[in-house]
Amino acid sequence: MRLCLSSVCANEPVNNKVLITVVIVNYNAGELLVRCIEAVLALRLPLEVLVSDNGSVDDSIELLMSCVGQDPRLRVLRQGKNIGFSAGNNRALEHMSADSEFVLFLNPDCILEPTTLQGVLKVLVEHPDGGMAGCVIRNPDGSEQIASRRRIPNPWSALFGVLRLDKLLAGIPGIEGHSEIDKPLPTTAVRVEAISGSFMLVRRQALNDVGLLDTRYFLHCEDLDWFVRFAQAGWSLYFVPDVWVTHYKGACSQRRPFFVEWHKHRGMARFFLRFQASSFSVFMRMLVLLGIWLHFFATSVGILLRRMPSWPRRRLGKA
């Protein structure tokens, strides 16, 4: 197999060798799963696609098999139940090709552009210190998503974000949220603290060094945990600004918003306790954890109000 550093290119697989393993954890992604995988299989790269299905109850897997199920590069691994995002990815890695040098962790609601994967791969090939790289993550309307490029969040940046102080007092040192999308896109690939977990291209050597995703995170924050562990192991994370994917955010989780928020906030608490709590007094740790669960309560109330019929909300407003 031949890689050209000037413009990453790959010949047809030689002796069935695989350069990139694409891992997709599916949970009721529907037609988006098919669109996602069709875009991947259209790439002229020696790759394999492993779909780890976490007990989907829609017709996404049947639809996928009817559309592209005959492609020998595709395998579907049925977990039988929802075992979580981390565990779903880790189970798929047990089946990856021994030759694969890179692993792309891709959400099923992400649609690749034709040059995206090659562009990110090129950066990792040119930067041997890079253990992981991501790209611009766009909404369907073309705007950049908040998690596209960011810093590792901490209690202060989270508080500034909730209170909107990062917007109101922008430019004041120390007053900043964790997202960097308010800054102009860089002109070249740059090192960052965190990328979006919806598209993570990982060097296999770094994966072997750092270890698998932590399955104690069921959904959300497992990517932040991984970013910190990559940095602790001496691997850099790169953000590639000239290629992108379109992310239909929430397509797999909109049916169970309370379930998602519970695990998101549970992940926040675990991440804080694992990596940041030691820098705070016991009293401050309790305040941070209280703030996390108060935010969960407020978010849940907001979800409940949005799901209520309009007439009770009008009556509540009059009261």
Protein backbone atom coordinates (compact mmCIF):
# COMPACT_ATOMS: atom_id res chain seq x y z
CA MET A 1 0.00 0.00 0.00
CA ARG A 2 1.33 3.46 -0.85
CA LEU A 3 0.66 6.74 0.92
CA CYS A 4 1.57 10.02 -0.80
CA LEU A 5 2.36 12.67 1.77
CA SER A 6 1.74 15.58 -0.61
CA SER A 7 -1.86 14.61 -1.21
CA VAL A 8 -2.87 11.51 0.68
CA CYS A 9 -3.79 8.88 -1.82
CA ALA A 10 -4.13 5.15 -1.63
CA ASN A 11 -4.10 2.52 -4.33
CA GLU A 12 -6.60 -0.27 -4.35
CA PRO A 13 -6.03 -2.62 -1.39
CA VAL A 14 -3.00 -4.85 -1.87
CA ASN A 15 -3.47 -8.40 -0.61
CA ASN A 16 -6.71 -7.25 1.03
CA LYS A 17 -4.85 -4.96 3.43
CA VAL A 18 -6.86 -2.27 5.19
CA LEU A 19 -5.55 1.21 5.94
CA ILE A 20 -8.54 2.62 7.87
CA THR A 21 -11.18 0.94 9.98
CA VAL A 22 -14.35 3.01 10.22
CA VAL A 23 -16.32 2.29 13.41
CA ILE A 24 -19.93 3.46 13.65
CA VAL A 25 -22.12 2.87 16.69
CA ASN A 26 -25.74 2.87 15.58
CA TYR A 27 -28.86 3.35 17.65
CA ASN A 28 -31.99 4.06 15.62
CA ALA A 29 -30.27 6.35 13.09
CA GLY A 30 -32.68 5.34 10.34
CA GLU A 31 -31.96 6.52 6.82
CA LEU A 32 -29.07 8.67 8.05
CA LEU A 33 -27.08 5.50 8.76
CA VAL A 34 -27.41 4.48 5.12
CA ARG A 35 -26.38 7.92 3.87
CA CYS A 36 -23.43 7.95 6.26
CA ILE A 37 -22.10 4.59 5.13
CA GLU A 38 -22.74 5.19 1.45
CA ALA A 39 -20.57 8.32 1.70
CA VAL A 40 -17.81 6.31 3.40
CA LEU A 41 -17.90 3.43 0.91
CA ALA A 42 -17.73 5.89 -2.00
CA LEU A 43 -14.22 6.93 -0.93
CA ARG A 44 -11.26 5.57 -2.89
CA LEU A 45 -9.41 4.38 0.19
CA PRO A 46 -8.62 0.86 1.41
CA LEU A 47 -11.01 0.68 4.33
CA GLU A 48 -13.47 -1.46 6.21
CA VAL A 49 -16.66 -0.39 7.97
CA LEU A 50 -17.77 -1.94 11.25
CA VAL A 51 -21.28 -1.01 12.37
CA SER A 52 -21.89 -1.76 16.04
CA ASP A 53 -25.65 -1.78 16.48
CA ASN A 54 -26.80 -1.13 20.04
CA GLY A 55 -30.14 -2.88 19.82
CA SER A 56 -31.86 -0.53 17.39
CA VAL A 57 -35.63 -0.92 17.26
CA ASP A 58 -36.13 0.99 14.02
CA ASP A 59 -35.45 -0.36 10.53
CA SER A 60 -31.99 1.21 10.14
CA ILE A 61 -30.07 -2.08 9.92
CA GLU A 62 -32.58 -3.71 7.57
CA LEU A 63 -32.51 -0.62 5.38
CA LEU A 64 -28.72 -0.62 5.41
CA MET A 65 -28.47 -4.28 4.43
CA SER A 66 -30.95 -3.83 1.60
CA CYS A 67 -28.98 -0.89 0.21
CA VAL A 68 -25.30 -1.76 0.72
CA GLY A 69 -25.29 -5.06 2.57
CA GLN A 70 -23.53 -6.89 -0.24
CA ASP A 71 -20.39 -4.77 0.02
CA PRO A 72 -17.62 -7.00 1.44
CA ARG A 73 -16.08 -4.01 3.24
CA LEU A 74 -19.11 -3.71 5.53
CA ARG A 75 -19.83 -5.77 8.64
CA VAL A 76 -22.71 -5.33 11.07
CA LEU A 77 -22.16 -6.38 14.67
CA ARG A 78 -25.42 -6.72 16.59
CA GLN A 79 -25.02 -6.13 20.33
CA GLY A 80 -28.63 -7.08 21.10
CA LYS A 81 -29.17 -4.15 23.48
CA ASN A 82 -27.99 -0.62 24.12
CA ILE A 83 -24.62 -1.15 25.80
CA GLY A 84 -23.56 2.49 25.50
CA PHE A 85 -21.37 4.46 23.12
CA SER A 86 -18.01 3.51 24.64
CA ALA A 87 -18.78 -0.18 24.90
CA GLY A 88 -20.28 -0.23 21.39
CA ASN A 89 -17.07 1.20 19.94
CA ASN A 90 -14.84 -1.07 21.99
CA ARG A 91 -16.75 -4.18 20.92
CA ALA A 92 -16.28 -3.22 17.28
CA LEU A 93 -12.53 -2.81 17.74
CA GLU A 94 -12.31 -6.48 18.63
CA HIS A 95 -13.15 -7.22 14.97
CA MET A 96 -10.89 -4.70 13.23
CA SER A 97 -8.34 -5.80 10.66
CA ALA A 98 -4.86 -6.50 12.00
CA ASP A 99 -3.42 -4.37 9.16
CA SER A 100 -5.43 -1.23 9.90
CA GLU A 101 -3.22 1.74 10.78
CA PHE A 102 -5.97 4.24 11.57
CA VAL A 103 -9.45 4.08 13.10
CA LEU A 104 -12.19 6.57 12.27
CA PHE A 105 -14.84 6.81 14.99
CA LEU A 106 -17.82 8.25 13.15
CA ASN A 107 -21.35 9.03 14.31
CA PRO A 108 -24.10 7.52 12.13
CA ASP A 109 -25.68 10.95 11.70
CA CYS A 110 -22.53 12.39 10.07
CA ILE A 111 -22.21 12.72 6.29
CA LEU A 112 -18.67 12.87 4.92
CA GLU A 113 -17.61 15.09 2.06
CA PRO A 114 -15.54 13.32 -0.64
CA THR A 115 -12.22 14.86 0.49
CA THR A 116 -12.76 14.98 4.25
CA LEU A 117 -11.19 11.72 5.37
CA GLN A 118 -8.22 12.10 3.00
CA GLY A 119 -7.61 15.63 4.30
CA VAL A 120 -7.58 14.58 7.96
CA LEU A 121 -5.54 11.48 7.21
CA LYS A 122 -2.94 13.63 5.46
CA VAL A 123 -2.44 15.67 8.62
CA LEU A 124 -1.82 12.60 10.77
CA VAL A 125 0.58 11.20 8.18
CA GLU A 126 2.53 14.47 8.17
CA HIS A 127 2.50 14.87 11.98
CA PRO A 128 3.78 11.71 13.67
CA ASP A 129 3.08 13.26 17.09
CA GLY A 130 -0.63 13.34 16.21
CA GLY A 131 -2.59 10.63 17.95
CA MET A 132 -5.98 11.94 16.87
CA ALA A 133 -7.42 14.50 14.47
CA GLY A 134 -10.80 16.03 13.70
CA CYS A 135 -12.29 18.47 11.24
CA VAL A 136 -14.93 21.19 11.05
CA ILE A 137 -18.31 19.87 12.17
CA ARG A 138 -21.16 21.69 10.46
CA ASN A 139 -24.89 21.83 11.05
CA PRO A 140 -27.13 21.10 8.07
CA ASP A 141 -27.44 24.88 7.54
CA GLY A 142 -23.66 25.16 7.18
CA SER A 143 -22.93 26.80 10.54
CA GLU A 144 -20.16 25.39 12.71
CA GLN A 145 -21.22 23.30 15.70
CA ILE A 146 -20.09 24.37 19.15
CA ALA A 147 -18.10 21.17 19.77
CA SER A 148 -16.20 21.42 16.49
CA ARG A 149 -13.10 22.90 18.17
CA ARG A 150 -12.91 23.53 21.86
CA ARG A 151 -10.96 23.50 25.06
CA ILE A 152 -11.32 20.90 27.78
CA PRO A 153 -14.19 22.27 29.88
CA ASN A 154 -13.74 23.00 33.56
CA PRO A 155 -16.20 24.24 36.21
CA TRP A 156 -15.37 27.90 35.50
CA SER A 157 -15.75 27.72 31.72
CA ALA A 158 -18.97 25.78 32.20
CA LEU A 159 -20.30 28.44 34.56
CA PHE A 160 -19.31 31.25 32.18
CA GLY A 161 -21.07 29.41 29.38
CA VAL A 162 -24.29 28.83 31.35
CA LEU A 163 -24.41 32.50 32.43
CA ARG A 164 -23.41 33.67 28.93
CA LEU A 165 -20.53 35.62 30.46
CA ASP A 166 -18.21 34.28 27.77
CA LYS A 167 -20.33 36.25 25.25
CA LEU A 168 -21.08 39.33 27.32
CA LEU A 169 -17.51 39.80 28.53
CA ALA A 170 -15.67 38.43 25.52
CA GLY A 171 -12.05 39.50 25.36
CA ILE A 172 -11.50 39.77 29.11
CA PRO A 173 -8.72 37.39 30.18
CA GLY A 174 -10.04 34.47 32.19
CA ILE A 175 -13.65 34.95 31.04
CA GLU A 176 -14.13 32.36 28.36
CA GLY A 177 -16.22 29.32 27.61
CA HIS A 178 -14.85 26.09 26.25
CA SER A 179 -15.81 26.50 22.58
CA GLU A 180 -13.53 28.27 20.10
CA ILE A 181 -15.93 28.62 17.18
CA ASP A 182 -16.26 32.35 17.83
CA LYS A 183 -12.69 32.69 16.56
CA PRO A 184 -11.83 32.66 12.83
CA LEU A 185 -10.94 29.31 11.40
CA PRO A 186 -7.17 28.76 11.33
CA THR A 187 -5.53 28.55 7.93
CA THR A 188 -3.67 25.30 8.65
CA ALA A 189 -4.04 22.32 10.92
CA VAL A 190 -3.47 23.27 14.56
CA ARG A 191 -3.10 21.48 17.88
CA VAL A 192 -6.19 21.74 20.08
CA GLU A 193 -7.29 20.41 23.45
CA ALA A 194 -10.50 18.85 22.17
CA ILE A 195 -12.37 18.07 18.96
CA SER A 196 -15.86 16.72 18.32
CA GLY A 197 -16.49 13.14 19.33
CA SER A 198 -18.67 12.71 16.24
CA PHE A 199 -15.58 12.45 13.99
CA MET A 200 -12.30 11.21 15.50
CA LEU A 201 -9.53 9.80 13.30
CA VAL A 202 -7.16 7.94 15.60
CA ARG A 203 -3.71 6.51 14.93
CA ARG A 204 -3.73 2.86 15.91
CA GLN A 205 -0.35 3.14 17.59
CA ALA A 206 -1.78 5.88 19.84
CA LEU A 207 -4.91 3.79 20.50
CA ASN A 208 -2.73 0.89 21.65
CA ASP A 209 -0.75 3.28 23.84
CA VAL A 210 -3.66 5.14 25.45
CA GLY A 211 -6.21 2.34 25.65
CA LEU A 212 -9.89 1.99 24.82
CA LEU A 213 -12.76 4.30 25.64
CA ASP A 214 -13.86 4.15 29.27
CA THR A 215 -17.10 2.15 29.41
CA ARG A 216 -18.04 3.77 32.73
CA TYR A 217 -19.30 6.62 30.56
CA PHE A 218 -22.48 5.38 28.93
CA LEU A 219 -23.11 8.37 26.69
CA HIS A 220 -21.29 11.74 26.50
CA CYS A 221 -17.98 12.89 28.05
CA GLU A 222 -16.17 9.67 27.11
CA ASP A 223 -14.51 11.67 24.32
CA LEU A 224 -13.30 14.35 26.77
CA ASP A 225 -11.88 11.63 28.99
CA TRP A 226 -10.04 10.23 25.97
CA PHE A 227 -8.66 13.64 24.92
CA VAL A 228 -7.14 14.15 28.36
CA ARG A 229 -5.65 10.65 28.37
CA PHE A 230 -4.15 11.18 24.90
CA ALA A 231 -2.51 14.40 26.11
CA GLN A 232 -1.25 12.71 29.28
CA ALA A 233 0.34 10.00 27.13
CA GLY A 234 2.14 12.64 25.02
CA TRP A 235 -0.05 12.48 21.90
CA SER A 236 -1.27 15.66 20.18
CA LEU A 237 -4.79 16.33 18.90
CA TYR A 238 -5.09 18.20 15.61
CA PHE A 239 -7.95 20.22 14.16
CA VAL A 240 -8.09 20.35 10.35
CA PRO A 241 -9.90 23.53 9.20
CA ASP A 242 -10.26 23.02 5.44
CA VAL A 243 -12.46 19.89 5.41
CA TRP A 244 -15.74 19.14 7.15
CA VAL A 245 -18.63 16.78 7.80
CA THR A 246 -22.30 17.58 8.19
CA HIS A 247 -23.66 16.41 11.53
CA TYR A 248 -27.40 15.95 12.00
CA LYS A 249 -26.94 16.29 15.75
CA GLY A 250 -29.31 14.41 18.01
CA ALA A 251 -30.82 12.20 15.32
CA CYS A 252 -30.18 9.08 17.40
CA SER A 253 -31.14 10.51 20.78
CA GLN A 254 -34.19 12.72 20.23
CA ARG A 255 -36.61 9.95 21.20
CA ARG A 256 -35.25 9.73 24.77
CA PRO A 257 -34.14 13.23 25.82
CA PHE A 258 -34.31 12.61 29.59
CA PHE A 259 -32.24 9.44 29.25
CA VAL A 260 -29.64 11.34 27.22
CA GLU A 261 -29.48 14.28 29.66
CA TRP A 262 -29.14 11.94 32.63
CA HIS A 263 -26.13 10.21 31.13
CA LYS A 264 -24.66 13.48 29.88
CA HIS A 265 -24.67 14.99 33.37
CA ARG A 266 -23.56 11.74 34.94
CA GLY A 267 -20.61 11.84 32.54
CA MET A 268 -19.85 15.44 33.51
CA ALA A 269 -19.72 14.44 37.17
CA ARG A 270 -17.45 11.48 36.48
CA PHE A 271 -15.09 13.55 34.31
CA PHE A 272 -14.83 16.24 36.99
CA LEU A 273 -14.15 13.74 39.76
CA ARG A 274 -11.56 11.88 37.72
CA PHE A 275 -9.49 14.75 36.34
CA GLN A 276 -10.29 18.03 38.10
CA ALA A 277 -11.70 17.53 41.60
CA SER A 278 -8.27 17.23 43.23
CA SER A 279 -7.64 20.92 42.43
CA PHE A 280 -10.62 22.01 44.54
CA SER A 281 -11.45 21.96 48.22
CA VAL A 282 -14.05 19.48 49.45
CA PHE A 283 -16.58 22.30 49.75
CA MET A 284 -15.98 23.44 46.15
CA ARG A 285 -16.22 19.88 44.89
CA MET A 286 -19.64 19.59 46.48
CA LEU A 287 -20.71 22.89 44.93
CA VAL A 288 -19.57 21.79 41.47
CA LEU A 289 -21.43 18.48 41.73
CA LEU A 290 -24.51 20.28 43.02
CA GLY A 291 -24.29 22.67 40.08
CA ILE A 292 -24.12 19.76 37.62
CA TRP A 293 -27.27 18.16 38.99
CA LEU A 294 -29.12 21.45 39.31
CA HIS A 295 -28.35 22.02 35.64
CA PHE A 296 -29.74 18.56 34.89
CA PHE A 297 -32.94 19.45 36.78
CA ALA A 298 -33.31 22.76 34.93
CA THR A 299 -32.67 21.09 31.58
CA SER A 300 -35.22 18.37 32.34
CA VAL A 301 -37.86 20.95 33.26
CA GLY A 302 -37.18 22.72 29.98
CA ILE A 303 -37.62 19.47 28.05
CA LEU A 304 -40.86 18.74 29.91
CA LEU A 305 -42.28 22.18 29.14
CA ARG A 306 -41.39 21.90 25.46
CA ARG A 307 -43.14 18.54 25.25
CA MET A 308 -46.32 19.79 26.89
CA PRO A 309 -49.33 20.73 24.71
CA SER A 310 -49.57 24.44 24.05
CA TRP A 311 -52.74 25.06 26.08
CA PRO A 312 -51.32 24.15 29.52
CA ARG A 313 -48.32 26.37 28.83
CA ARG A 314 -50.60 29.27 27.95
CA ARG A 315 -52.55 28.77 31.17
CA LEU A 316 -49.30 28.60 33.16
CA GLY A 317 -48.23 31.84 31.53
CA LYS A 318 -51.49 33.58 32.51
CA ALA A 319 -51.16 32.36 36.05
